[in-house]
Amino acid sequence: MNKNLISIVFRSFLMIFTLLLSGYAEAQENIATENTVNFWDRVQFGGGLGLGIGSGYTDITVSPSAIYNVNEIVAVGAGLQFGYLASKNYYNSFVYGGSLITLVSPIPQVQLSAELEQVRINTDYKATNVRPAFSDNYWNTALYLGAGYRNGNVTIGGRYDVLFNDKKSLYGSAFMPFVRVYF
């Protein structure tokens, strides 16, 4: 073959290839523009409120959180936790910290979760006729794996702390039921 013919064929192929790629790139740009969603349109806020009052016992918890819906299946987020626990004539405890959460919904009715929680616990024990007053202050780390039934913005389920330590854990059990709501 002639060098000029090879050069013409190569240039023609290169031009056709470039036109095809530019058309593909423009189509992708149009799709991306049509599918662009404002960041805040994918954010949901929620959390929990807890109040337990009994004979000489008080438990108040506020735990706001926010999640970002990466897509219809996966969401990631963060939360804060503040709490006050008191047992009359025994102790007063303040709890504060935060958490990171990942939610996965393989089907719309099922929500799986993994949540890493780090909280500071400051407890002042009152003096009794058996022991003197003292304080116990420490960090507690929990890694919850959970599953729940989801209906719209509400999920009801249970979670299990795989790092549970019965000597230091904030809670009395590794298993904990939950109700999760995001708006």
N, C-alpha and C. Protein backbone atom coordinates (compact mmCIF):
# COMPACT_ATOMS: atom_id res chain seq x y z
N MET A 1 0.83 -1.18 0.00
CA MET A 1 0.00 0.00 0.00
C MET A 1 0.87 1.24 0.00
N ASN A 2 0.29 2.22 -0.54
CA ASN A 2 0.91 3.51 -0.67
C ASN A 2 0.89 4.24 0.68
N LYS A 3 2.00 4.97 0.97
CA LYS A 3 2.08 5.70 2.24
C LYS A 3 0.99 6.75 2.35
N ASN A 4 0.66 7.39 1.26
CA ASN A 4 -0.40 8.41 1.29
C ASN A 4 -1.75 7.78 1.62
N LEU A 5 -2.00 6.61 1.07
CA LEU A 5 -3.27 5.93 1.33
C LEU A 5 -3.36 5.52 2.80
N ILE A 6 -2.26 5.02 3.36
CA ILE A 6 -2.23 4.65 4.78
C ILE A 6 -2.47 5.88 5.64
N SER A 7 -1.82 6.96 5.28
CA SER A 7 -1.98 8.21 6.03
C SER A 7 -3.42 8.71 5.97
N ILE A 8 -4.05 8.62 4.81
CA ILE A 8 -5.44 9.07 4.67
C ILE A 8 -6.37 8.18 5.48
N VAL A 9 -6.18 6.86 5.41
CA VAL A 9 -7.02 5.92 6.17
C VAL A 9 -6.84 6.17 7.67
N PHE A 10 -5.59 6.32 8.11
CA PHE A 10 -5.33 6.56 9.54
C PHE A 10 -5.97 7.85 10.02
N ARG A 11 -5.83 8.95 9.24
CA ARG A 11 -6.44 10.23 9.61
C ARG A 11 -7.96 10.12 9.63
N SER A 12 -8.51 9.42 8.67
CA SER A 12 -9.97 9.25 8.62
C SER A 12 -10.44 8.47 9.84
N PHE A 13 -9.74 7.38 10.16
CA PHE A 13 -10.10 6.59 11.33
C PHE A 13 -10.00 7.45 12.60
N LEU A 14 -8.92 8.22 12.73
CA LEU A 14 -8.72 9.07 13.89
C LEU A 14 -9.82 10.13 14.00
N MET A 15 -10.24 10.71 12.88
CA MET A 15 -11.29 11.72 12.90
C MET A 15 -12.64 11.10 13.30
N ILE A 16 -12.96 9.93 12.74
CA ILE A 16 -14.21 9.26 13.08
C ILE A 16 -14.21 8.87 14.57
N PHE A 17 -13.09 8.34 15.05
CA PHE A 17 -12.96 7.95 16.45
C PHE A 17 -13.13 9.17 17.37
N THR A 18 -12.51 10.29 17.02
CA THR A 18 -12.62 11.51 17.81
C THR A 18 -14.06 12.02 17.83
N LEU A 19 -14.74 11.99 16.70
CA LEU A 19 -16.14 12.42 16.65
C LEU A 19 -17.02 11.53 17.51
N LEU A 20 -16.79 10.22 17.46
CA LEU A 20 -17.57 9.30 18.29
C LEU A 20 -17.34 9.56 19.77
N LEU A 21 -16.08 9.75 20.15
CA LEU A 21 -15.78 10.02 21.56
C LEU A 21 -16.37 11.34 22.02
N SER A 22 -16.30 12.37 21.19
CA SER A 22 -16.85 13.67 21.61
C SER A 22 -18.37 13.58 21.74
N GLY A 23 -19.03 12.82 20.87
CA GLY A 23 -20.47 12.63 21.00
C GLY A 23 -20.81 11.87 22.28
N TYR A 24 -20.02 10.84 22.60
CA TYR A 24 -20.21 10.07 23.82
C TYR A 24 -19.99 10.96 25.05
N ALA A 25 -18.94 11.78 25.03
CA ALA A 25 -18.64 12.66 26.15
C ALA A 25 -19.76 13.67 26.35
N GLU A 26 -20.30 14.21 25.27
CA GLU A 26 -21.40 15.17 25.38
C GLU A 26 -22.64 14.50 25.96
N ALA A 27 -22.92 13.27 25.54
CA ALA A 27 -24.07 12.54 26.07
C ALA A 27 -23.89 12.29 27.57
N GLN A 28 -22.67 11.93 27.98
CA GLN A 28 -22.40 11.71 29.41
C GLN A 28 -22.55 13.01 30.19
N GLU A 29 -22.12 14.13 29.62
CA GLU A 29 -22.26 15.42 30.30
C GLU A 29 -23.73 15.78 30.48
N ASN A 30 -24.55 15.52 29.47
CA ASN A 30 -25.98 15.80 29.56
C ASN A 30 -26.63 14.92 30.63
N ILE A 31 -26.26 13.64 30.65
CA ILE A 31 -26.81 12.74 31.67
C ILE A 31 -26.40 13.20 33.05
N ALA A 32 -25.12 13.57 33.23
CA ALA A 32 -24.63 14.03 34.53
C ALA A 32 -25.35 15.30 34.95
N THR A 33 -25.59 16.22 34.01
CA THR A 33 -26.28 17.46 34.35
C THR A 33 -27.72 17.18 34.76
N GLU A 34 -28.39 16.27 34.04
CA GLU A 34 -29.78 15.94 34.37
C GLU A 34 -29.88 15.23 35.71
N ASN A 35 -28.86 14.42 36.06
CA ASN A 35 -28.89 13.65 37.30
C ASN A 35 -28.23 14.36 38.47
N THR A 36 -27.70 15.56 38.27
CA THR A 36 -27.04 16.26 39.36
C THR A 36 -28.06 16.61 40.43
N VAL A 37 -27.74 16.22 41.65
CA VAL A 37 -28.62 16.46 42.78
C VAL A 37 -27.88 17.33 43.77
N ASN A 38 -28.55 18.31 44.29
CA ASN A 38 -27.98 19.16 45.33
C ASN A 38 -27.60 18.30 46.52
N PHE A 39 -26.43 18.54 47.12
CA PHE A 39 -25.95 17.78 48.28
C PHE A 39 -27.01 17.71 49.36
N TRP A 40 -27.64 18.82 49.68
CA TRP A 40 -28.60 18.88 50.79
C TRP A 40 -29.89 18.13 50.49
N ASP A 41 -30.16 17.85 49.21
CA ASP A 41 -31.34 17.04 48.87
C ASP A 41 -31.16 15.58 49.30
N ARG A 42 -29.92 15.17 49.52
CA ARG A 42 -29.63 13.79 49.92
C ARG A 42 -29.39 13.64 51.43
N VAL A 43 -29.46 14.74 52.17
CA VAL A 43 -29.21 14.70 53.61
C VAL A 43 -30.52 14.57 54.37
N GLN A 44 -30.51 13.69 55.38
CA GLN A 44 -31.66 13.53 56.26
C GLN A 44 -31.19 13.72 57.70
N PHE A 45 -32.05 14.33 58.50
CA PHE A 45 -31.75 14.55 59.90
C PHE A 45 -32.68 13.70 60.76
N GLY A 46 -32.18 13.31 61.90
CA GLY A 46 -32.99 12.49 62.81
C GLY A 46 -32.26 12.34 64.12
N GLY A 47 -32.46 11.20 64.73
CA GLY A 47 -31.79 10.94 65.99
C GLY A 47 -32.74 10.34 66.99
N GLY A 48 -32.40 10.50 68.24
CA GLY A 48 -33.22 9.91 69.29
C GLY A 48 -33.32 10.79 70.51
N LEU A 49 -34.40 10.60 71.22
CA LEU A 49 -34.63 11.24 72.51
C LEU A 49 -35.00 10.13 73.47
N GLY A 50 -34.47 10.19 74.65
CA GLY A 50 -34.81 9.17 75.64
C GLY A 50 -35.08 9.80 76.98
N LEU A 51 -36.08 9.28 77.67
CA LEU A 51 -36.41 9.76 79.00
C LEU A 51 -36.89 8.57 79.82
N GLY A 52 -36.19 8.33 80.88
CA GLY A 52 -36.59 7.27 81.80
C GLY A 52 -36.57 7.81 83.21
N ILE A 53 -37.71 7.76 83.84
CA ILE A 53 -37.82 8.26 85.21
C ILE A 53 -38.50 7.18 86.04
N GLY A 54 -37.88 6.86 87.14
CA GLY A 54 -38.45 5.85 88.01
C GLY A 54 -38.22 6.21 89.46
N SER A 55 -38.43 5.29 90.31
CA SER A 55 -38.27 5.51 91.73
C SER A 55 -36.80 5.80 92.05
N GLY A 56 -36.45 7.07 92.12
CA GLY A 56 -35.09 7.48 92.43
C GLY A 56 -34.12 7.36 91.28
N TYR A 57 -34.61 7.15 90.06
CA TYR A 57 -33.74 6.96 88.90
C TYR A 57 -34.15 7.92 87.79
N THR A 58 -33.15 8.52 87.13
CA THR A 58 -33.39 9.42 86.01
C THR A 58 -32.43 9.09 84.88
N ASP A 59 -32.94 9.04 83.66
CA ASP A 59 -32.12 8.79 82.47
C ASP A 59 -32.65 9.69 81.36
N ILE A 60 -31.85 10.68 80.96
CA ILE A 60 -32.23 11.62 79.89
C ILE A 60 -31.16 11.53 78.81
N THR A 61 -31.58 11.28 77.58
CA THR A 61 -30.64 11.15 76.47
C THR A 61 -31.13 11.95 75.27
N VAL A 62 -30.21 12.68 74.64
CA VAL A 62 -30.48 13.39 73.40
C VAL A 62 -29.37 12.99 72.42
N SER A 63 -29.76 12.48 71.25
CA SER A 63 -28.75 12.03 70.29
C SER A 63 -29.15 12.41 68.86
N PRO A 64 -28.85 13.66 68.46
CA PRO A 64 -29.14 14.08 67.08
C PRO A 64 -28.16 13.44 66.11
N SER A 65 -28.62 13.23 64.87
CA SER A 65 -27.73 12.68 63.85
C SER A 65 -28.18 13.11 62.46
N ALA A 66 -27.30 12.92 61.50
CA ALA A 66 -27.60 13.23 60.11
C ALA A 66 -26.96 12.16 59.24
N ILE A 67 -27.64 11.83 58.14
CA ILE A 67 -27.09 10.87 57.19
C ILE A 67 -27.11 11.48 55.79
N TYR A 68 -26.20 11.01 54.96
CA TYR A 68 -26.14 11.37 53.56
C TYR A 68 -26.44 10.12 52.75
N ASN A 69 -27.50 10.18 51.93
CA ASN A 69 -27.89 9.04 51.10
C ASN A 69 -27.01 9.02 49.85
N VAL A 70 -26.03 8.13 49.84
CA VAL A 70 -25.13 8.00 48.71
C VAL A 70 -25.93 7.57 47.48
N ASN A 71 -26.83 6.62 47.69
CA ASN A 71 -27.75 6.16 46.65
C ASN A 71 -28.96 5.54 47.36
N GLU A 72 -29.80 4.81 46.65
CA GLU A 72 -30.99 4.23 47.27
C GLU A 72 -30.68 3.11 48.25
N ILE A 73 -29.47 2.59 48.20
CA ILE A 73 -29.09 1.45 49.04
C ILE A 73 -28.22 1.84 50.22
N VAL A 74 -27.28 2.75 50.03
CA VAL A 74 -26.28 3.07 51.05
C VAL A 74 -26.42 4.51 51.55
N ALA A 75 -26.29 4.67 52.88
CA ALA A 75 -26.26 6.00 53.51
C ALA A 75 -25.16 5.99 54.56
N VAL A 76 -24.50 7.13 54.72
CA VAL A 76 -23.46 7.28 55.75
C VAL A 76 -23.76 8.53 56.54
N GLY A 77 -23.35 8.54 57.82
CA GLY A 77 -23.65 9.71 58.62
C GLY A 77 -22.87 9.77 59.91
N ALA A 78 -23.24 10.77 60.70
CA ALA A 78 -22.59 11.01 61.99
C ALA A 78 -23.64 11.48 62.98
N GLY A 79 -23.33 11.28 64.25
CA GLY A 79 -24.26 11.69 65.29
C GLY A 79 -23.53 12.14 66.54
N LEU A 80 -24.25 12.83 67.39
CA LEU A 80 -23.76 13.26 68.69
C LEU A 80 -24.61 12.59 69.76
N GLN A 81 -24.06 12.46 70.95
CA GLN A 81 -24.82 11.87 72.05
C GLN A 81 -24.54 12.63 73.33
N PHE A 82 -25.61 12.97 74.03
CA PHE A 82 -25.53 13.63 75.33
C PHE A 82 -26.48 12.91 76.26
N GLY A 83 -26.03 12.64 77.46
CA GLY A 83 -26.90 11.94 78.40
C GLY A 83 -26.62 12.29 79.84
N TYR A 84 -27.64 12.11 80.64
CA TYR A 84 -27.53 12.30 82.08
C TYR A 84 -28.24 11.12 82.75
N LEU A 85 -27.53 10.45 83.63
CA LEU A 85 -28.11 9.34 84.38
C LEU A 85 -27.87 9.60 85.86
N ALA A 86 -28.86 9.32 86.66
CA ALA A 86 -28.70 9.51 88.11
C ALA A 86 -29.51 8.47 88.85
N SER A 87 -28.94 8.00 89.93
CA SER A 87 -29.63 7.10 90.84
C SER A 87 -29.53 7.75 92.22
N LYS A 88 -30.67 8.06 92.77
CA LYS A 88 -30.73 8.81 94.03
C LYS A 88 -29.86 8.14 95.09
N ASN A 89 -29.06 8.95 95.73
CA ASN A 89 -28.16 8.52 96.80
C ASN A 89 -27.11 7.51 96.35
N TYR A 90 -26.87 7.38 95.03
CA TYR A 90 -25.87 6.44 94.58
C TYR A 90 -24.87 7.09 93.60
N TYR A 91 -25.36 7.63 92.44
CA TYR A 91 -24.43 8.24 91.49
C TYR A 91 -25.14 9.25 90.58
N ASN A 92 -24.31 10.11 89.96
CA ASN A 92 -24.71 11.01 88.87
C ASN A 92 -23.71 10.77 87.75
N SER A 93 -24.19 10.65 86.53
CA SER A 93 -23.31 10.36 85.41
C SER A 93 -23.67 11.22 84.21
N PHE A 94 -22.65 11.80 83.58
CA PHE A 94 -22.81 12.56 82.35
C PHE A 94 -22.11 11.79 81.24
N VAL A 95 -22.77 11.70 80.09
CA VAL A 95 -22.24 10.97 78.94
C VAL A 95 -22.28 11.90 77.73
N TYR A 96 -21.18 11.97 76.98
CA TYR A 96 -21.16 12.77 75.76
C TYR A 96 -20.17 12.16 74.78
N GLY A 97 -20.48 12.30 73.50
CA GLY A 97 -19.60 11.76 72.48
C GLY A 97 -20.23 11.80 71.11
N GLY A 98 -19.74 10.94 70.24
CA GLY A 98 -20.23 10.94 68.87
C GLY A 98 -20.18 9.55 68.25
N SER A 99 -20.72 9.47 67.05
CA SER A 99 -20.74 8.19 66.35
C SER A 99 -20.70 8.40 64.84
N LEU A 100 -20.24 7.36 64.16
CA LEU A 100 -20.27 7.29 62.70
C LEU A 100 -21.13 6.09 62.34
N ILE A 101 -22.00 6.25 61.33
CA ILE A 101 -22.92 5.17 61.00
C ILE A 101 -22.96 4.94 59.50
N THR A 102 -23.10 3.68 59.13
CA THR A 102 -23.34 3.28 57.74
C THR A 102 -24.60 2.45 57.72
N LEU A 103 -25.52 2.80 56.82
CA LEU A 103 -26.78 2.08 56.66
C LEU A 103 -26.83 1.48 55.27
N VAL A 104 -27.24 0.23 55.19
CA VAL A 104 -27.37 -0.46 53.89
C VAL A 104 -28.75 -1.09 53.84
N SER A 105 -29.49 -0.79 52.78
CA SER A 105 -30.82 -1.36 52.58
C SER A 105 -30.82 -2.19 51.30
N PRO A 106 -30.51 -3.49 51.42
CA PRO A 106 -30.46 -4.34 50.21
C PRO A 106 -31.82 -4.43 49.53
N ILE A 107 -32.90 -4.36 50.31
CA ILE A 107 -34.26 -4.22 49.79
C ILE A 107 -34.91 -3.13 50.64
N PRO A 108 -35.92 -2.43 50.14
CA PRO A 108 -36.47 -1.28 50.87
C PRO A 108 -36.95 -1.57 52.30
N GLN A 109 -37.37 -2.78 52.60
CA GLN A 109 -37.91 -3.09 53.92
C GLN A 109 -36.85 -3.51 54.94
N VAL A 110 -35.63 -3.75 54.53
CA VAL A 110 -34.57 -4.22 55.42
C VAL A 110 -33.45 -3.19 55.48
N GLN A 111 -33.04 -2.86 56.70
CA GLN A 111 -31.93 -1.93 56.87
C GLN A 111 -30.87 -2.59 57.77
N LEU A 112 -29.66 -2.73 57.24
CA LEU A 112 -28.53 -3.23 58.00
C LEU A 112 -27.69 -2.03 58.41
N SER A 113 -27.06 -2.11 59.59
CA SER A 113 -26.29 -0.96 60.05
C SER A 113 -25.00 -1.38 60.73
N ALA A 114 -24.02 -0.49 60.64
CA ALA A 114 -22.77 -0.60 61.38
C ALA A 114 -22.52 0.79 61.96
N GLU A 115 -22.34 0.86 63.28
CA GLU A 115 -22.18 2.15 63.94
C GLU A 115 -21.02 2.08 64.93
N LEU A 116 -20.09 3.00 64.77
CA LEU A 116 -18.97 3.12 65.68
C LEU A 116 -19.25 4.30 66.61
N GLU A 117 -19.30 4.02 67.91
CA GLU A 117 -19.66 5.05 68.90
C GLU A 117 -18.51 5.23 69.89
N GLN A 118 -18.15 6.47 70.14
CA GLN A 118 -17.13 6.80 71.14
C GLN A 118 -17.74 7.82 72.10
N VAL A 119 -17.87 7.43 73.37
CA VAL A 119 -18.47 8.34 74.36
C VAL A 119 -17.58 8.45 75.59
N ARG A 120 -17.62 9.60 76.20
CA ARG A 120 -16.93 9.86 77.47
C ARG A 120 -17.95 9.71 78.58
N ILE A 121 -17.59 8.99 79.63
CA ILE A 121 -18.50 8.76 80.75
C ILE A 121 -17.85 9.35 82.00
N ASN A 122 -18.52 10.29 82.62
CA ASN A 122 -18.05 10.93 83.85
C ASN A 122 -19.06 10.62 84.94
N THR A 123 -18.67 9.79 85.90
CA THR A 123 -19.59 9.36 86.95
C THR A 123 -19.04 9.75 88.32
N ASP A 124 -19.88 10.34 89.11
CA ASP A 124 -19.55 10.66 90.51
C ASP A 124 -20.41 9.79 91.40
N TYR A 125 -19.76 8.91 92.15
CA TYR A 125 -20.46 8.03 93.10
C TYR A 125 -20.51 8.72 94.45
N LYS A 126 -21.66 8.66 95.07
CA LYS A 126 -21.85 9.30 96.38
C LYS A 126 -21.35 8.37 97.49
N ALA A 127 -20.97 8.99 98.58
CA ALA A 127 -20.49 8.22 99.72
C ALA A 127 -21.64 7.44 100.35
N THR A 128 -21.32 6.24 100.79
CA THR A 128 -22.28 5.43 101.53
C THR A 128 -21.59 4.97 102.81
N ASN A 129 -22.30 4.29 103.65
CA ASN A 129 -21.67 3.80 104.87
C ASN A 129 -20.74 2.62 104.58
N VAL A 130 -20.70 2.15 103.33
CA VAL A 130 -19.83 1.04 102.95
C VAL A 130 -18.55 1.54 102.25
N ARG A 131 -18.66 2.66 101.49
CA ARG A 131 -17.51 3.17 100.74
C ARG A 131 -17.53 4.69 100.68
N PRO A 132 -16.35 5.30 100.47
CA PRO A 132 -16.29 6.76 100.33
C PRO A 132 -16.72 7.19 98.93
N ALA A 133 -16.99 8.49 98.75
CA ALA A 133 -17.34 9.03 97.43
C ALA A 133 -16.12 8.93 96.51
N PHE A 134 -16.37 8.67 95.22
CA PHE A 134 -15.29 8.64 94.24
C PHE A 134 -15.85 8.94 92.85
N SER A 135 -14.95 9.21 91.92
CA SER A 135 -15.33 9.50 90.53
C SER A 135 -14.69 8.48 89.61
N ASP A 136 -15.38 8.17 88.53
CA ASP A 136 -14.89 7.25 87.52
C ASP A 136 -15.12 7.91 86.17
N ASN A 137 -14.05 8.24 85.47
CA ASN A 137 -14.14 8.93 84.18
C ASN A 137 -13.35 8.14 83.14
N TYR A 138 -14.00 7.78 82.04
CA TYR A 138 -13.33 6.97 81.01
C TYR A 138 -14.05 7.11 79.67
N TRP A 139 -13.36 6.66 78.62
CA TRP A 139 -13.93 6.60 77.28
C TRP A 139 -14.44 5.19 77.03
N ASN A 140 -15.56 5.09 76.34
CA ASN A 140 -16.11 3.78 75.97
C ASN A 140 -16.30 3.75 74.45
N THR A 141 -15.78 2.70 73.83
CA THR A 141 -15.94 2.52 72.39
C THR A 141 -16.86 1.33 72.14
N ALA A 142 -17.82 1.53 71.26
CA ALA A 142 -18.76 0.46 70.91
C ALA A 142 -18.84 0.36 69.39
N LEU A 143 -18.94 -0.86 68.90
CA LEU A 143 -19.16 -1.11 67.47
C LEU A 143 -20.43 -1.94 67.36
N TYR A 144 -21.49 -1.28 66.92
CA TYR A 144 -22.80 -1.95 66.82
C TYR A 144 -23.03 -2.45 65.41
N LEU A 145 -23.44 -3.69 65.30
CA LEU A 145 -23.92 -4.26 64.04
C LEU A 145 -25.40 -4.53 64.24
N GLY A 146 -26.23 -4.05 63.32
CA GLY A 146 -27.66 -4.17 63.53
C GLY A 146 -28.45 -4.47 62.28
N ALA A 147 -29.71 -4.77 62.51
CA ALA A 147 -30.65 -5.02 61.41
C ALA A 147 -32.03 -4.60 61.88
N GLY A 148 -32.83 -4.13 60.93
CA GLY A 148 -34.17 -3.71 61.30
C GLY A 148 -35.13 -3.73 60.14
N TYR A 149 -36.40 -3.64 60.49
CA TYR A 149 -37.48 -3.54 59.50
C TYR A 149 -37.71 -2.06 59.23
N ARG A 150 -37.70 -1.68 57.96
CA ARG A 150 -37.82 -0.27 57.58
C ARG A 150 -39.14 -0.03 56.87
N ASN A 151 -39.83 1.02 57.29
CA ASN A 151 -41.06 1.46 56.64
C ASN A 151 -40.97 2.97 56.48
N GLY A 152 -40.66 3.43 55.28
CA GLY A 152 -40.50 4.86 55.04
C GLY A 152 -39.27 5.38 55.77
N ASN A 153 -39.48 6.38 56.63
CA ASN A 153 -38.37 7.00 57.37
C ASN A 153 -38.10 6.35 58.72
N VAL A 154 -38.86 5.33 59.08
CA VAL A 154 -38.75 4.70 60.40
C VAL A 154 -38.21 3.28 60.27
N THR A 155 -37.24 2.95 61.12
CA THR A 155 -36.69 1.59 61.18
C THR A 155 -36.76 1.10 62.62
N ILE A 156 -37.28 -0.11 62.80
CA ILE A 156 -37.36 -0.74 64.12
C ILE A 156 -36.52 -2.01 64.05
N GLY A 157 -35.61 -2.16 65.02
CA GLY A 157 -34.76 -3.34 64.97
C GLY A 157 -33.93 -3.51 66.22
N GLY A 158 -32.82 -4.21 66.05
CA GLY A 158 -31.91 -4.45 67.15
C GLY A 158 -30.48 -4.33 66.68
N ARG A 159 -29.59 -4.03 67.62
CA ARG A 159 -28.18 -3.93 67.30
C ARG A 159 -27.37 -4.60 68.41
N TYR A 160 -26.18 -5.06 68.05
CA TYR A 160 -25.34 -5.80 68.99
C TYR A 160 -23.94 -5.17 69.01
N ASP A 161 -23.45 -4.87 70.21
CA ASP A 161 -22.12 -4.28 70.38
C ASP A 161 -21.08 -5.40 70.39
N VAL A 162 -20.31 -5.52 69.32
CA VAL A 162 -19.32 -6.59 69.23
C VAL A 162 -18.09 -6.31 70.09
N LEU A 163 -17.96 -5.09 70.63
CA LEU A 163 -16.85 -4.74 71.53
C LEU A 163 -17.30 -4.68 72.99
N PHE A 164 -18.46 -5.22 73.28
CA PHE A 164 -19.05 -5.10 74.62
C PHE A 164 -18.11 -5.61 75.71
N ASN A 165 -17.98 -4.81 76.77
CA ASN A 165 -17.19 -5.17 77.94
C ASN A 165 -18.08 -4.94 79.16
N ASP A 166 -18.52 -5.98 79.83
CA ASP A 166 -19.47 -5.82 80.92
C ASP A 166 -18.91 -5.03 82.10
N LYS A 167 -17.59 -4.85 82.17
CA LYS A 167 -17.00 -4.07 83.26
C LYS A 167 -17.01 -2.57 82.98
N LYS A 168 -16.95 -2.18 81.71
CA LYS A 168 -16.83 -0.76 81.36
C LYS A 168 -17.94 -0.22 80.47
N SER A 169 -18.76 -1.05 79.92
CA SER A 169 -19.77 -0.58 78.98
C SER A 169 -20.78 0.35 79.66
N LEU A 170 -21.22 1.30 78.91
CA LEU A 170 -22.25 2.23 79.38
C LEU A 170 -23.57 1.51 79.59
N TYR A 171 -23.82 0.47 78.81
CA TYR A 171 -25.09 -0.23 78.85
C TYR A 171 -24.94 -1.58 79.56
N GLY A 172 -26.04 -2.13 80.02
CA GLY A 172 -26.01 -3.38 80.76
C GLY A 172 -25.97 -4.61 79.90
N SER A 173 -26.16 -4.47 78.58
CA SER A 173 -26.20 -5.62 77.69
C SER A 173 -25.60 -5.25 76.34
N ALA A 174 -25.05 -6.23 75.65
CA ALA A 174 -24.49 -5.99 74.31
C ALA A 174 -25.60 -5.81 73.27
N PHE A 175 -26.78 -6.40 73.51
CA PHE A 175 -27.90 -6.28 72.59
C PHE A 175 -28.78 -5.10 72.99
N MET A 176 -29.22 -4.34 72.00
CA MET A 176 -30.05 -3.18 72.27
C MET A 176 -31.09 -3.00 71.16
N PRO A 177 -32.37 -2.96 71.51
CA PRO A 177 -33.38 -2.64 70.49
C PRO A 177 -33.29 -1.16 70.14
N PHE A 178 -33.78 -0.78 68.95
CA PHE A 178 -33.76 0.63 68.56
C PHE A 178 -34.95 0.98 67.68
N VAL A 179 -35.25 2.27 67.66
CA VAL A 179 -36.18 2.87 66.71
C VAL A 179 -35.40 4.02 66.11
N ARG A 180 -35.21 3.99 64.78
CA ARG A 180 -34.41 5.01 64.09
C ARG A 180 -35.34 5.77 63.16
N VAL A 181 -35.32 7.12 63.25
CA VAL A 181 -36.18 7.96 62.42
C VAL A 181 -35.33 9.04 61.74
N TYR A 182 -35.46 9.17 60.42
CA TYR A 182 -34.78 10.23 59.67
C TYR A 182 -35.80 10.95 58.78
N PHE A 183 -35.72 12.26 58.78
CA PHE A 183 -36.64 13.10 57.98
C PHE A 183 -35.89 13.74 56.83
